[in-house]
Amino acid sequence: MEETVQTDIDPRSLIGSKAFDRDGAKIGTVDEVYLDDATGRPEWAAVRTGLFGRDAFVPLEPSEVVDETLRVPFTRTLIKDAPDFGVGRHLSPEQELQLYHHYGLEVPTVGEPGPPAGGEEAKRVAGAGE
């Protein structure tokens, strides 16, 4: 069976999707998607993990949507150890920087997706319960 890889991520269709780590192990379900305030592009997904429902933030770049699932190119351990900021609020620029550093990602410069230098935040779109 051929996999369908989607590069442009529609945040609303992603909510409720299953998320998997780089080894194909299930991480959880996408609860919310956060958009960059400056560009409007989907930037982070909050993935509900485990029995007790902790949300782990994962970067949507370089993740891919494959056959209606989110494939995150990091280990399950790294994802579960991501900073926990809670869901339902904006991510501050400082929180975004912590996430970029946690995943070892280069912090984008102005004009690129990522935490803007001007102090704008990532806003969330409707979550699974809305």
N, C-alpha and C. Protein backbone atom coordinates (compact mmCIF):
# COMPACT_ATOMS: atom_id res chain seq x y z
N MET A 1 0.84 -1.18 0.00
CA MET A 1 0.00 0.00 0.00
C MET A 1 0.88 1.24 0.00
N GLU A 2 0.52 2.20 -0.82
CA GLU A 2 1.31 3.41 -0.97
C GLU A 2 0.90 4.45 0.07
N GLU A 3 1.91 5.10 0.69
CA GLU A 3 1.62 6.13 1.69
C GLU A 3 1.37 7.47 1.00
N THR A 4 0.45 8.23 1.55
CA THR A 4 0.17 9.57 1.06
C THR A 4 0.78 10.56 2.05
N VAL A 5 1.74 11.36 1.58
CA VAL A 5 2.40 12.34 2.43
C VAL A 5 1.85 13.72 2.10
N GLN A 6 1.41 14.43 3.13
CA GLN A 6 0.86 15.77 2.97
C GLN A 6 1.85 16.77 3.55
N THR A 7 2.22 17.74 2.73
CA THR A 7 3.18 18.72 3.21
C THR A 7 2.51 19.97 3.78
N ASP A 8 1.41 20.43 3.17
CA ASP A 8 0.66 21.56 3.72
C ASP A 8 -0.31 21.02 4.75
N ILE A 9 -0.13 21.41 6.00
CA ILE A 9 -0.92 20.85 7.09
C ILE A 9 -2.14 21.72 7.34
N ASP A 10 -3.33 21.10 7.28
CA ASP A 10 -4.57 21.77 7.63
C ASP A 10 -4.80 21.51 9.11
N PRO A 11 -4.69 22.56 9.95
CA PRO A 11 -4.74 22.34 11.40
C PRO A 11 -6.03 21.70 11.88
N ARG A 12 -7.16 22.08 11.31
CA ARG A 12 -8.43 21.53 11.79
C ARG A 12 -8.57 20.04 11.46
N SER A 13 -8.04 19.62 10.33
CA SER A 13 -8.15 18.19 9.98
C SER A 13 -7.15 17.36 10.79
N LEU A 14 -6.14 18.01 11.35
CA LEU A 14 -5.13 17.29 12.12
C LEU A 14 -5.63 16.94 13.53
N ILE A 15 -6.52 17.76 14.07
CA ILE A 15 -7.04 17.53 15.42
C ILE A 15 -7.79 16.20 15.46
N GLY A 16 -7.43 15.37 16.42
CA GLY A 16 -8.01 14.03 16.55
C GLY A 16 -7.21 12.95 15.85
N SER A 17 -6.19 13.34 15.09
CA SER A 17 -5.34 12.37 14.39
C SER A 17 -4.41 11.68 15.37
N LYS A 18 -4.03 10.47 15.06
CA LYS A 18 -3.04 9.75 15.86
C LYS A 18 -1.66 10.28 15.50
N ALA A 19 -0.77 10.31 16.48
CA ALA A 19 0.60 10.77 16.28
C ALA A 19 1.56 9.64 16.61
N PHE A 20 2.61 9.50 15.79
CA PHE A 20 3.59 8.44 15.94
C PHE A 20 4.99 9.03 15.95
N ASP A 21 5.91 8.38 16.68
CA ASP A 21 7.30 8.85 16.73
C ASP A 21 8.07 8.36 15.51
N ARG A 22 9.36 8.64 15.48
CA ARG A 22 10.17 8.29 14.30
C ARG A 22 10.30 6.79 14.08
N ASP A 23 10.06 6.00 15.14
CA ASP A 23 10.16 4.55 15.01
C ASP A 23 8.81 3.89 14.76
N GLY A 24 7.76 4.71 14.61
CA GLY A 24 6.43 4.18 14.35
C GLY A 24 5.63 3.84 15.60
N ALA A 25 6.15 4.17 16.79
CA ALA A 25 5.43 3.91 18.04
C ALA A 25 4.40 5.03 18.25
N LYS A 26 3.20 4.64 18.67
CA LYS A 26 2.15 5.63 18.89
C LYS A 26 2.51 6.51 20.10
N ILE A 27 2.39 7.82 19.89
CA ILE A 27 2.64 8.79 20.95
C ILE A 27 1.32 9.15 21.62
N GLY A 28 0.29 9.39 20.82
CA GLY A 28 -1.00 9.79 21.34
C GLY A 28 -1.87 10.38 20.25
N THR A 29 -2.75 11.31 20.64
CA THR A 29 -3.71 11.92 19.73
C THR A 29 -3.54 13.44 19.76
N VAL A 30 -3.60 14.06 18.58
CA VAL A 30 -3.47 15.51 18.49
C VAL A 30 -4.70 16.17 19.12
N ASP A 31 -4.45 16.97 20.16
CA ASP A 31 -5.50 17.68 20.88
C ASP A 31 -5.75 19.07 20.31
N GLU A 32 -4.67 19.79 20.05
CA GLU A 32 -4.75 21.16 19.57
C GLU A 32 -3.60 21.44 18.62
N VAL A 33 -3.81 22.44 17.78
CA VAL A 33 -2.77 22.90 16.86
C VAL A 33 -2.58 24.38 17.11
N TYR A 34 -1.33 24.82 17.15
CA TYR A 34 -0.98 26.21 17.41
C TYR A 34 -0.42 26.83 16.14
N LEU A 35 -0.94 28.03 15.82
CA LEU A 35 -0.51 28.76 14.63
C LEU A 35 0.45 29.87 15.01
N ASP A 36 1.38 30.18 14.12
CA ASP A 36 2.26 31.32 14.31
C ASP A 36 1.43 32.59 14.09
N ASP A 37 1.47 33.51 15.04
CA ASP A 37 0.70 34.75 14.92
C ASP A 37 1.13 35.57 13.71
N ALA A 38 2.40 35.57 13.40
CA ALA A 38 2.90 36.41 12.31
C ALA A 38 2.57 35.84 10.93
N THR A 39 2.67 34.52 10.78
CA THR A 39 2.48 33.91 9.46
C THR A 39 1.16 33.19 9.30
N GLY A 40 0.51 32.81 10.42
CA GLY A 40 -0.72 32.05 10.35
C GLY A 40 -0.52 30.58 10.02
N ARG A 41 0.73 30.16 9.93
CA ARG A 41 1.04 28.77 9.59
C ARG A 41 1.00 27.89 10.84
N PRO A 42 0.53 26.65 10.68
CA PRO A 42 0.57 25.71 11.81
C PRO A 42 2.01 25.49 12.25
N GLU A 43 2.26 25.59 13.55
CA GLU A 43 3.63 25.51 14.04
C GLU A 43 3.85 24.40 15.06
N TRP A 44 2.92 24.21 15.99
CA TRP A 44 3.06 23.21 17.04
C TRP A 44 1.77 22.42 17.16
N ALA A 45 1.87 21.17 17.58
CA ALA A 45 0.71 20.36 17.91
C ALA A 45 0.85 19.91 19.36
N ALA A 46 -0.24 19.96 20.09
CA ALA A 46 -0.28 19.42 21.44
C ALA A 46 -0.84 18.01 21.31
N VAL A 47 -0.02 17.02 21.67
CA VAL A 47 -0.40 15.62 21.53
C VAL A 47 -0.68 15.05 22.92
N ARG A 48 -1.90 14.55 23.11
CA ARG A 48 -2.30 13.94 24.39
C ARG A 48 -1.62 12.58 24.47
N THR A 49 -0.78 12.41 25.49
CA THR A 49 -0.01 11.18 25.64
C THR A 49 -0.43 10.44 26.89
N GLY A 50 -0.28 9.13 26.87
CA GLY A 50 -0.44 8.32 28.07
C GLY A 50 -1.84 8.28 28.65
N LEU A 51 -1.96 7.48 29.68
CA LEU A 51 -3.21 7.24 30.36
C LEU A 51 -3.76 8.47 31.07
N PHE A 52 -2.87 9.29 31.61
CA PHE A 52 -3.31 10.42 32.41
C PHE A 52 -3.44 11.70 31.60
N GLY A 53 -3.24 11.60 30.31
CA GLY A 53 -3.54 12.71 29.42
C GLY A 53 -2.67 13.93 29.49
N ARG A 54 -1.38 13.77 29.65
CA ARG A 54 -0.47 14.91 29.58
C ARG A 54 -0.30 15.27 28.12
N ASP A 55 -0.24 16.58 27.82
CA ASP A 55 -0.02 17.01 26.44
C ASP A 55 1.45 17.33 26.23
N ALA A 56 2.00 16.81 25.15
CA ALA A 56 3.37 17.12 24.76
C ALA A 56 3.32 17.95 23.48
N PHE A 57 4.05 19.05 23.47
CA PHE A 57 4.11 19.88 22.27
C PHE A 57 5.14 19.30 21.32
N VAL A 58 4.74 19.18 20.04
CA VAL A 58 5.66 18.69 19.02
C VAL A 58 5.68 19.69 17.87
N PRO A 59 6.84 19.86 17.23
CA PRO A 59 6.92 20.80 16.11
C PRO A 59 6.28 20.18 14.87
N LEU A 60 5.51 20.99 14.14
CA LEU A 60 4.91 20.50 12.91
C LEU A 60 5.89 20.55 11.74
N GLU A 61 6.95 21.30 11.89
CA GLU A 61 8.04 21.29 10.91
C GLU A 61 9.24 20.76 11.66
N PRO A 62 9.77 19.64 11.43
CA PRO A 62 9.78 18.81 10.22
C PRO A 62 8.84 17.60 10.25
N SER A 63 7.78 17.61 11.04
CA SER A 63 6.84 16.48 11.05
C SER A 63 6.08 16.42 9.73
N GLU A 64 5.47 15.27 9.47
CA GLU A 64 4.70 15.08 8.24
C GLU A 64 3.36 14.44 8.57
N VAL A 65 2.38 14.74 7.73
CA VAL A 65 1.10 14.04 7.82
C VAL A 65 1.16 12.94 6.76
N VAL A 66 1.06 11.70 7.23
CA VAL A 66 1.14 10.54 6.33
C VAL A 66 -0.09 9.69 6.57
N ASP A 67 -0.89 9.50 5.52
CA ASP A 67 -2.12 8.70 5.63
C ASP A 67 -2.96 9.12 6.83
N GLU A 68 -3.16 10.44 6.98
CA GLU A 68 -4.00 11.02 8.02
C GLU A 68 -3.48 10.79 9.45
N THR A 69 -2.18 10.52 9.58
CA THR A 69 -1.54 10.43 10.89
C THR A 69 -0.37 11.41 10.91
N LEU A 70 -0.02 11.88 12.10
CA LEU A 70 1.11 12.79 12.24
C LEU A 70 2.34 11.97 12.56
N ARG A 71 3.38 12.08 11.74
CA ARG A 71 4.65 11.39 11.96
C ARG A 71 5.67 12.41 12.43
N VAL A 72 6.11 12.25 13.67
CA VAL A 72 7.04 13.19 14.30
C VAL A 72 8.43 12.55 14.29
N PRO A 73 9.42 13.22 13.69
CA PRO A 73 10.74 12.61 13.51
C PRO A 73 11.64 12.65 14.75
N PHE A 74 11.07 12.39 15.91
CA PHE A 74 11.83 12.38 17.16
C PHE A 74 11.46 11.12 17.94
N THR A 75 12.29 10.77 18.92
CA THR A 75 12.00 9.58 19.74
C THR A 75 10.86 9.85 20.69
N ARG A 76 10.19 8.80 21.06
CA ARG A 76 9.07 8.89 22.01
C ARG A 76 9.52 9.50 23.33
N THR A 77 10.71 9.11 23.79
CA THR A 77 11.25 9.63 25.05
C THR A 77 11.46 11.14 24.99
N LEU A 78 12.05 11.63 23.90
CA LEU A 78 12.28 13.06 23.75
C LEU A 78 10.94 13.81 23.73
N ILE A 79 9.97 13.28 23.04
CA ILE A 79 8.65 13.91 22.95
C ILE A 79 7.99 13.96 24.32
N LYS A 80 8.02 12.85 25.05
CA LYS A 80 7.37 12.81 26.36
C LYS A 80 8.09 13.68 27.38
N ASP A 81 9.37 13.97 27.15
CA ASP A 81 10.13 14.83 28.06
C ASP A 81 10.05 16.31 27.69
N ALA A 82 9.26 16.65 26.67
CA ALA A 82 9.13 18.05 26.24
C ALA A 82 8.54 18.88 27.37
N PRO A 83 8.89 20.16 27.44
CA PRO A 83 8.31 21.03 28.46
C PRO A 83 6.79 21.01 28.38
N ASP A 84 6.14 21.00 29.53
CA ASP A 84 4.68 20.95 29.61
C ASP A 84 4.17 22.33 29.99
N PHE A 85 3.53 23.01 29.03
CA PHE A 85 3.02 24.35 29.27
C PHE A 85 1.50 24.36 29.44
N GLY A 86 0.88 23.20 29.41
CA GLY A 86 -0.58 23.16 29.45
C GLY A 86 -1.13 23.59 28.10
N VAL A 87 -2.39 23.32 27.88
CA VAL A 87 -2.99 23.69 26.60
C VAL A 87 -4.08 24.72 26.82
N GLY A 88 -4.54 25.30 25.73
CA GLY A 88 -5.63 26.25 25.79
C GLY A 88 -5.20 27.70 25.88
N ARG A 89 -3.91 27.96 25.86
CA ARG A 89 -3.39 29.32 25.94
C ARG A 89 -2.38 29.53 24.81
N HIS A 90 -2.05 30.80 24.59
CA HIS A 90 -0.98 31.12 23.65
C HIS A 90 0.34 30.57 24.20
N LEU A 91 1.23 30.21 23.29
CA LEU A 91 2.61 29.92 23.69
C LEU A 91 3.37 31.23 23.63
N SER A 92 4.07 31.56 24.71
CA SER A 92 4.87 32.79 24.71
C SER A 92 6.13 32.56 23.87
N PRO A 93 6.78 33.63 23.43
CA PRO A 93 8.04 33.48 22.70
C PRO A 93 9.07 32.68 23.50
N GLU A 94 9.11 32.88 24.82
CA GLU A 94 10.06 32.15 25.65
C GLU A 94 9.75 30.65 25.66
N GLN A 95 8.45 30.32 25.73
CA GLN A 95 8.06 28.90 25.70
C GLN A 95 8.41 28.27 24.36
N GLU A 96 8.19 29.00 23.28
CA GLU A 96 8.55 28.48 21.97
C GLU A 96 10.06 28.23 21.86
N LEU A 97 10.84 29.16 22.39
CA LEU A 97 12.30 28.98 22.37
C LEU A 97 12.69 27.73 23.15
N GLN A 98 12.05 27.52 24.30
CA GLN A 98 12.35 26.31 25.08
C GLN A 98 12.05 25.06 24.26
N LEU A 99 10.94 25.07 23.53
CA LEU A 99 10.60 23.91 22.70
C LEU A 99 11.60 23.72 21.57
N TYR A 100 11.98 24.79 20.90
CA TYR A 100 12.98 24.68 19.83
C TYR A 100 14.28 24.10 20.37
N HIS A 101 14.72 24.57 21.53
CA HIS A 101 15.96 24.07 22.12
C HIS A 101 15.81 22.61 22.55
N HIS A 102 14.66 22.27 23.13
CA HIS A 102 14.41 20.89 23.56
C HIS A 102 14.57 19.91 22.40
N TYR A 103 14.03 20.27 21.24
CA TYR A 103 14.08 19.38 20.08
C TYR A 103 15.36 19.56 19.25
N GLY A 104 16.23 20.47 19.69
CA GLY A 104 17.48 20.67 18.96
C GLY A 104 17.27 21.29 17.59
N LEU A 105 16.21 22.06 17.46
CA LEU A 105 15.90 22.70 16.18
C LEU A 105 16.48 24.11 16.13
N GLU A 106 16.84 24.53 14.93
CA GLU A 106 17.33 25.88 14.74
C GLU A 106 16.17 26.84 14.90
N VAL A 107 16.39 27.91 15.63
CA VAL A 107 15.35 28.91 15.84
C VAL A 107 15.23 29.73 14.56
N PRO A 108 14.04 29.76 13.96
CA PRO A 108 13.86 30.51 12.71
C PRO A 108 14.08 32.00 12.92
N THR A 109 14.49 32.67 11.86
CA THR A 109 14.67 34.11 11.91
C THR A 109 13.39 34.78 11.43
N VAL A 110 13.32 36.08 11.52
CA VAL A 110 12.13 36.82 11.09
C VAL A 110 11.83 36.49 9.64
N GLY A 111 10.55 36.26 9.36
CA GLY A 111 10.13 35.92 8.00
C GLY A 111 10.04 34.43 7.76
N GLU A 112 10.56 33.62 8.68
CA GLU A 112 10.47 32.17 8.59
C GLU A 112 9.48 31.69 9.64
N PRO A 113 8.92 30.47 9.45
CA PRO A 113 8.05 29.94 10.50
C PRO A 113 8.84 29.81 11.79
N GLY A 114 8.18 29.97 12.90
CA GLY A 114 8.84 29.82 14.19
C GLY A 114 8.60 31.02 15.06
N PRO A 115 9.26 31.05 16.22
CA PRO A 115 9.01 32.17 17.13
C PRO A 115 9.58 33.46 16.56
N PRO A 116 8.74 34.44 16.31
CA PRO A 116 9.21 35.69 15.73
C PRO A 116 10.07 36.48 16.71
N ALA A 117 10.98 37.24 16.17
CA ALA A 117 11.86 38.06 17.00
C ALA A 117 11.11 39.19 17.68
N GLY A 118 9.97 39.59 17.12
CA GLY A 118 9.22 40.73 17.65
C GLY A 118 8.38 40.41 18.87
N GLY A 119 8.47 39.20 19.41
CA GLY A 119 7.75 38.88 20.62
C GLY A 119 6.31 38.42 20.39
N GLU A 120 5.95 38.09 19.14
CA GLU A 120 4.61 37.58 18.91
C GLU A 120 4.56 36.13 19.36
N GLU A 121 3.36 35.64 19.60
CA GLU A 121 3.20 34.31 20.16
C GLU A 121 2.50 33.38 19.17
N ALA A 122 2.54 32.11 19.48
CA ALA A 122 1.78 31.14 18.70
C ALA A 122 0.40 31.02 19.31
N LYS A 123 -0.62 31.20 18.47
CA LYS A 123 -1.98 31.08 18.99
C LYS A 123 -2.53 29.72 18.63
N ARG A 124 -3.47 29.26 19.45
CA ARG A 124 -4.03 27.95 19.19
C ARG A 124 -5.28 28.07 18.34
N VAL A 125 -5.60 26.99 17.66
CA VAL A 125 -6.89 26.88 16.98
C VAL A 125 -7.73 25.91 17.81
N ALA A 126 -8.96 25.73 17.45
CA ALA A 126 -9.87 24.90 18.24
C ALA A 126 -9.26 23.52 18.50
N GLY A 127 -9.48 23.05 19.71
CA GLY A 127 -8.98 21.74 20.11
C GLY A 127 -10.04 20.67 19.92
N ALA A 128 -9.70 19.47 20.31
CA ALA A 128 -10.56 18.32 20.11
C ALA A 128 -11.89 18.44 20.84
N GLY A 129 -11.91 19.11 21.97
CA GLY A 129 -13.14 19.20 22.75
C GLY A 129 -14.01 20.38 22.39
N GLU A 130 -13.70 21.09 21.32
CA GLU A 130 -14.45 22.31 20.98
C GLU A 130 -15.26 22.12 19.73
